[in-house]
Structure formats: structure tokens, C-alpha cells
């Protein structure tokens, strides 16, 4: 799961990975997020990346 936290460090959103989905979210110096470990008998492919703009 992708966990997005609010400013009080409480989980504000929990996104469960499903087939053929992509999650985008804004990241700042004050934003918090985490990714929980996934255990599954099937192979998975996860792609992560960052886009920086000035």
C-alpha cells in the first residue's frame, strides 16, 4: 500500500496497488509518504520515478 500522511502525521490516504494502475502525488519538503512491503506468490513489477521542476 501507498500511504499518504497529513501534517499531523496521520494516514490521510491509503492506496492499494491494483493491476495496471499508476499513482501520482505531489511531494514537498513537508509531505510524508510510505510504501508498505507487499508479499505475494506471483511476480510483481513496480516502477518508481521522480519529476523535478524548478
Protein backbone atom coordinates (compact mmCIF):
# COMPACT_ATOMS: atom_id res chain seq x y z
CA UNK A 1 0.00 0.00 0.00
CA UNK A 2 0.98 3.59 -0.61
CA UNK A 3 0.33 5.67 2.50
CA UNK A 4 0.00 9.45 2.35
CA UNK A 5 0.18 11.36 5.63
CA UNK A 6 -1.31 14.68 6.69
CA UNK A 7 0.58 17.41 8.57
CA UNK A 8 -0.21 15.75 11.91
CA UNK A 9 1.45 12.57 10.56
CA UNK A 10 -1.83 10.65 10.42
CA UNK A 11 -2.65 8.47 7.42
CA UNK A 12 -4.72 10.69 5.12
CA UNK A 13 -4.92 8.22 2.21
CA UNK A 14 -4.16 4.57 1.66
CA UNK A 15 -3.81 3.37 -1.93
CA UNK A 16 -3.90 -0.37 -2.59
CA UNK A 17 -1.96 -1.42 -5.69
CA UNK A 18 -4.15 -2.96 -8.37
CA UNK A 19 -3.34 -4.27 -11.82
CA UNK A 20 -2.47 -1.68 -14.44
CA UNK A 21 -2.67 1.40 -12.18
CA UNK A 22 -0.36 4.36 -11.64
CA UNK A 23 -0.33 6.76 -8.68
CA UNK A 24 0.87 10.37 -8.90
CA UNK A 25 1.11 12.68 -5.93
CA UNK A 26 2.82 15.98 -5.10
CA UNK A 27 5.90 15.81 -2.90
CA UNK A 28 7.30 18.73 -0.94
CA UNK A 29 9.70 19.16 1.96
CA UNK A 30 6.66 18.90 4.27
CA UNK A 31 4.88 15.94 2.68
CA UNK A 32 5.21 12.44 4.10
CA UNK A 33 4.55 9.13 2.38
CA UNK A 34 5.48 5.47 2.80
CA UNK A 35 5.21 2.25 0.83
CA UNK A 36 4.43 -0.94 2.71
CA UNK A 37 6.06 -4.24 1.79
CA UNK A 38 3.98 -6.48 -0.50
CA UNK A 39 4.21 -10.24 -0.16
CA UNK A 40 2.62 -12.24 -2.97
CA UNK A 41 3.19 -15.63 -4.57
CA UNK A 42 3.10 -14.03 -8.04
CA UNK A 43 5.83 -11.93 -9.62
CA UNK A 44 5.30 -8.16 -9.49
CA UNK A 45 6.86 -5.26 -11.32
CA UNK A 46 6.99 -1.86 -9.64
CA UNK A 47 8.34 1.27 -11.30
CA UNK A 48 9.03 4.45 -9.36
CA UNK A 49 10.36 7.77 -10.51
CA UNK A 50 10.57 11.46 -9.77
CA UNK A 51 9.89 14.55 -11.82
CA UNK A 52 11.65 17.74 -10.70
CA UNK A 53 10.67 21.18 -11.92
CA UNK A 54 12.23 24.48 -10.93
